[in-house]
């Protein structure tokens, strides 16, 4: 399975997932990182990875893979 090399398309993929189970807090987080040029913190990357997994989407690439 391919992986996302950038957090922006990964966040948008969760937001656009047809069966996304999102609340306001998750939507705010995903919208914020989808348009941010700053690198993710470890905590943000962990949360995004968890959301990708929950929605059956490819994972974020590790720094070694990117």
N, C-alpha and C. Protein backbone atom coordinates (compact mmCIF):
# COMPACT_ATOMS: atom_id res chain seq x y z
N UNK A 1 0.84 -1.18 0.00
CA UNK A 1 0.00 0.00 0.00
C UNK A 1 0.89 1.24 0.00
N UNK A 2 0.59 2.16 -0.86
CA UNK A 2 1.33 3.42 -0.91
C UNK A 2 1.08 4.21 0.37
N UNK A 3 1.91 5.18 0.63
CA UNK A 3 1.73 6.01 1.81
C UNK A 3 1.76 7.48 1.41
N UNK A 4 1.18 8.31 2.25
CA UNK A 4 1.20 9.75 2.03
C UNK A 4 2.56 10.30 2.43
N UNK A 5 3.17 11.07 1.54
CA UNK A 5 4.46 11.67 1.85
C UNK A 5 4.31 13.08 2.41
N UNK A 6 3.09 13.61 2.36
CA UNK A 6 2.81 14.95 2.88
C UNK A 6 1.52 14.90 3.70
N UNK A 7 1.49 15.65 4.79
CA UNK A 7 0.32 15.60 5.67
C UNK A 7 -0.90 16.29 5.08
N UNK A 8 -0.71 17.22 4.15
CA UNK A 8 -1.85 17.96 3.59
C UNK A 8 -2.82 17.05 2.84
N UNK A 9 -2.38 16.28 1.84
CA UNK A 9 -3.33 15.39 1.17
C UNK A 9 -3.88 14.30 2.08
N UNK A 10 -3.10 13.92 3.07
CA UNK A 10 -3.58 12.91 4.02
C UNK A 10 -4.75 13.46 4.83
N UNK A 11 -4.62 14.69 5.31
CA UNK A 11 -5.70 15.33 6.08
C UNK A 11 -6.94 15.51 5.20
N UNK A 12 -6.74 15.95 3.97
CA UNK A 12 -7.87 16.13 3.06
C UNK A 12 -8.56 14.80 2.74
N UNK A 13 -7.79 13.73 2.66
CA UNK A 13 -8.36 12.41 2.39
C UNK A 13 -9.32 12.00 3.50
N UNK A 14 -8.95 12.26 4.74
CA UNK A 14 -9.85 11.93 5.85
C UNK A 14 -11.09 12.82 5.79
N UNK A 15 -10.89 14.12 5.57
CA UNK A 15 -12.03 15.03 5.50
C UNK A 15 -13.00 14.65 4.38
N UNK A 16 -12.47 14.16 3.27
CA UNK A 16 -13.31 13.81 2.13
C UNK A 16 -13.78 12.37 2.11
N UNK A 17 -13.41 11.59 3.10
CA UNK A 17 -13.80 10.18 3.15
C UNK A 17 -15.32 10.10 3.19
N UNK A 18 -15.93 9.25 2.36
CA UNK A 18 -17.39 9.20 2.30
C UNK A 18 -18.06 8.72 3.58
N UNK A 19 -17.35 7.99 4.41
CA UNK A 19 -17.94 7.50 5.65
C UNK A 19 -17.17 8.01 6.86
N UNK A 20 -16.64 9.22 6.74
CA UNK A 20 -15.86 9.80 7.84
C UNK A 20 -16.73 10.00 9.08
N UNK A 21 -16.17 9.66 10.21
CA UNK A 21 -16.84 9.85 11.49
C UNK A 21 -16.07 10.94 12.22
N UNK A 22 -16.45 12.18 11.96
CA UNK A 22 -15.71 13.31 12.48
C UNK A 22 -16.58 14.17 13.38
N UNK A 23 -15.96 14.72 14.39
CA UNK A 23 -16.64 15.72 15.21
C UNK A 23 -15.96 17.07 14.94
N UNK A 24 -16.44 18.10 15.59
CA UNK A 24 -15.92 19.45 15.36
C UNK A 24 -14.42 19.52 15.63
N UNK A 25 -13.99 18.92 16.71
CA UNK A 25 -12.57 18.97 17.10
C UNK A 25 -11.68 18.31 16.06
N UNK A 26 -12.10 17.15 15.57
CA UNK A 26 -11.32 16.45 14.55
C UNK A 26 -11.32 17.24 13.25
N UNK A 27 -12.47 17.77 12.87
CA UNK A 27 -12.56 18.57 11.64
C UNK A 27 -11.69 19.81 11.72
N UNK A 28 -11.67 20.44 12.88
CA UNK A 28 -10.84 21.63 13.06
C UNK A 28 -9.35 21.27 12.95
N UNK A 29 -8.97 20.16 13.55
CA UNK A 29 -7.59 19.69 13.48
C UNK A 29 -7.19 19.40 12.04
N UNK A 30 -8.01 18.61 11.33
CA UNK A 30 -7.68 18.24 9.95
C UNK A 30 -7.66 19.45 9.03
N UNK A 31 -8.61 20.35 9.18
CA UNK A 31 -8.63 21.56 8.37
C UNK A 31 -7.42 22.42 8.63
N UNK A 32 -7.02 22.51 9.87
CA UNK A 32 -5.85 23.31 10.22
C UNK A 32 -4.56 22.77 9.63
N UNK A 33 -4.36 21.46 9.72
CA UNK A 33 -3.11 20.91 9.19
C UNK A 33 -3.14 20.78 7.67
N UNK A 34 -4.34 20.70 7.07
CA UNK A 34 -4.44 20.59 5.62
C UNK A 34 -3.92 21.84 4.92
N UNK A 35 -3.94 22.98 5.62
CA UNK A 35 -3.52 24.23 5.00
C UNK A 35 -2.32 24.85 5.69
N UNK A 36 -1.63 24.06 6.50
CA UNK A 36 -0.46 24.56 7.22
C UNK A 36 0.82 24.13 6.51
N UNK A 37 1.74 25.07 6.40
CA UNK A 37 3.05 24.75 5.82
C UNK A 37 4.05 24.28 6.88
N UNK A 38 3.65 24.33 8.12
CA UNK A 38 4.55 23.91 9.20
C UNK A 38 4.59 22.39 9.29
N UNK A 39 5.72 21.85 9.65
CA UNK A 39 5.79 20.39 9.86
C UNK A 39 4.92 20.00 11.06
N UNK A 40 4.43 18.78 11.03
CA UNK A 40 3.61 18.29 12.13
C UNK A 40 4.48 18.00 13.36
N UNK A 41 3.90 18.23 14.53
CA UNK A 41 4.56 17.78 15.74
C UNK A 41 4.38 16.27 15.83
N UNK A 42 5.09 15.63 16.72
CA UNK A 42 4.94 14.19 16.91
C UNK A 42 3.51 13.85 17.31
N UNK A 43 2.92 14.67 18.16
CA UNK A 43 1.55 14.43 18.62
C UNK A 43 0.56 14.57 17.46
N UNK A 44 0.74 15.59 16.63
CA UNK A 44 -0.15 15.77 15.48
C UNK A 44 0.00 14.62 14.49
N UNK A 45 1.22 14.21 14.22
CA UNK A 45 1.46 13.10 13.30
C UNK A 45 0.83 11.82 13.82
N UNK A 46 0.92 11.62 15.13
CA UNK A 46 0.31 10.44 15.74
C UNK A 46 -1.20 10.43 15.59
N UNK A 47 -1.82 11.59 15.82
CA UNK A 47 -3.27 11.68 15.72
C UNK A 47 -3.71 11.50 14.27
N UNK A 48 -3.00 12.12 13.33
CA UNK A 48 -3.34 11.96 11.92
C UNK A 48 -3.17 10.50 11.50
N UNK A 49 -2.12 9.86 11.94
CA UNK A 49 -1.90 8.44 11.61
C UNK A 49 -3.04 7.58 12.13
N UNK A 50 -3.49 7.88 13.33
CA UNK A 50 -4.61 7.13 13.92
C UNK A 50 -5.89 7.32 13.10
N UNK A 51 -6.15 8.56 12.68
CA UNK A 51 -7.35 8.84 11.88
C UNK A 51 -7.27 8.17 10.51
N UNK A 52 -6.09 8.18 9.89
CA UNK A 52 -5.92 7.49 8.61
C UNK A 52 -6.21 6.01 8.76
N UNK A 53 -5.68 5.41 9.79
CA UNK A 53 -5.89 3.98 10.04
C UNK A 53 -7.37 3.68 10.29
N UNK A 54 -8.03 4.50 11.09
CA UNK A 54 -9.45 4.29 11.40
C UNK A 54 -10.33 4.34 10.15
N UNK A 55 -9.90 5.09 9.15
CA UNK A 55 -10.70 5.24 7.94
C UNK A 55 -10.19 4.37 6.79
N UNK A 56 -9.25 3.47 7.07
CA UNK A 56 -8.75 2.54 6.07
C UNK A 56 -7.96 3.20 4.96
N UNK A 57 -7.31 4.31 5.30
CA UNK A 57 -6.51 5.06 4.32
C UNK A 57 -5.02 4.72 4.49
N UNK A 58 -4.22 4.95 3.45
CA UNK A 58 -2.78 4.68 3.56
C UNK A 58 -2.15 5.51 4.69
N UNK A 59 -1.09 5.00 5.27
CA UNK A 59 -0.42 5.71 6.37
C UNK A 59 0.44 6.86 5.87
N UNK A 60 0.90 7.66 6.81
CA UNK A 60 1.91 8.68 6.52
C UNK A 60 3.25 7.97 6.34
N UNK A 61 4.03 8.45 5.39
CA UNK A 61 5.38 7.89 5.22
C UNK A 61 6.24 8.34 6.39
N UNK A 62 7.11 7.47 6.80
CA UNK A 62 8.05 7.85 7.84
C UNK A 62 9.08 8.79 7.22
N UNK A 63 9.85 9.48 8.05
CA UNK A 63 10.85 10.42 7.54
C UNK A 63 11.85 9.69 6.64
N UNK A 64 12.12 8.41 6.91
CA UNK A 64 13.04 7.63 6.11
C UNK A 64 12.49 7.37 4.71
N UNK A 65 11.16 7.21 4.61
CA UNK A 65 10.52 6.91 3.33
C UNK A 65 10.27 8.17 2.50
N UNK A 66 10.13 9.32 3.16
CA UNK A 66 9.76 10.56 2.46
C UNK A 66 10.85 11.10 1.59
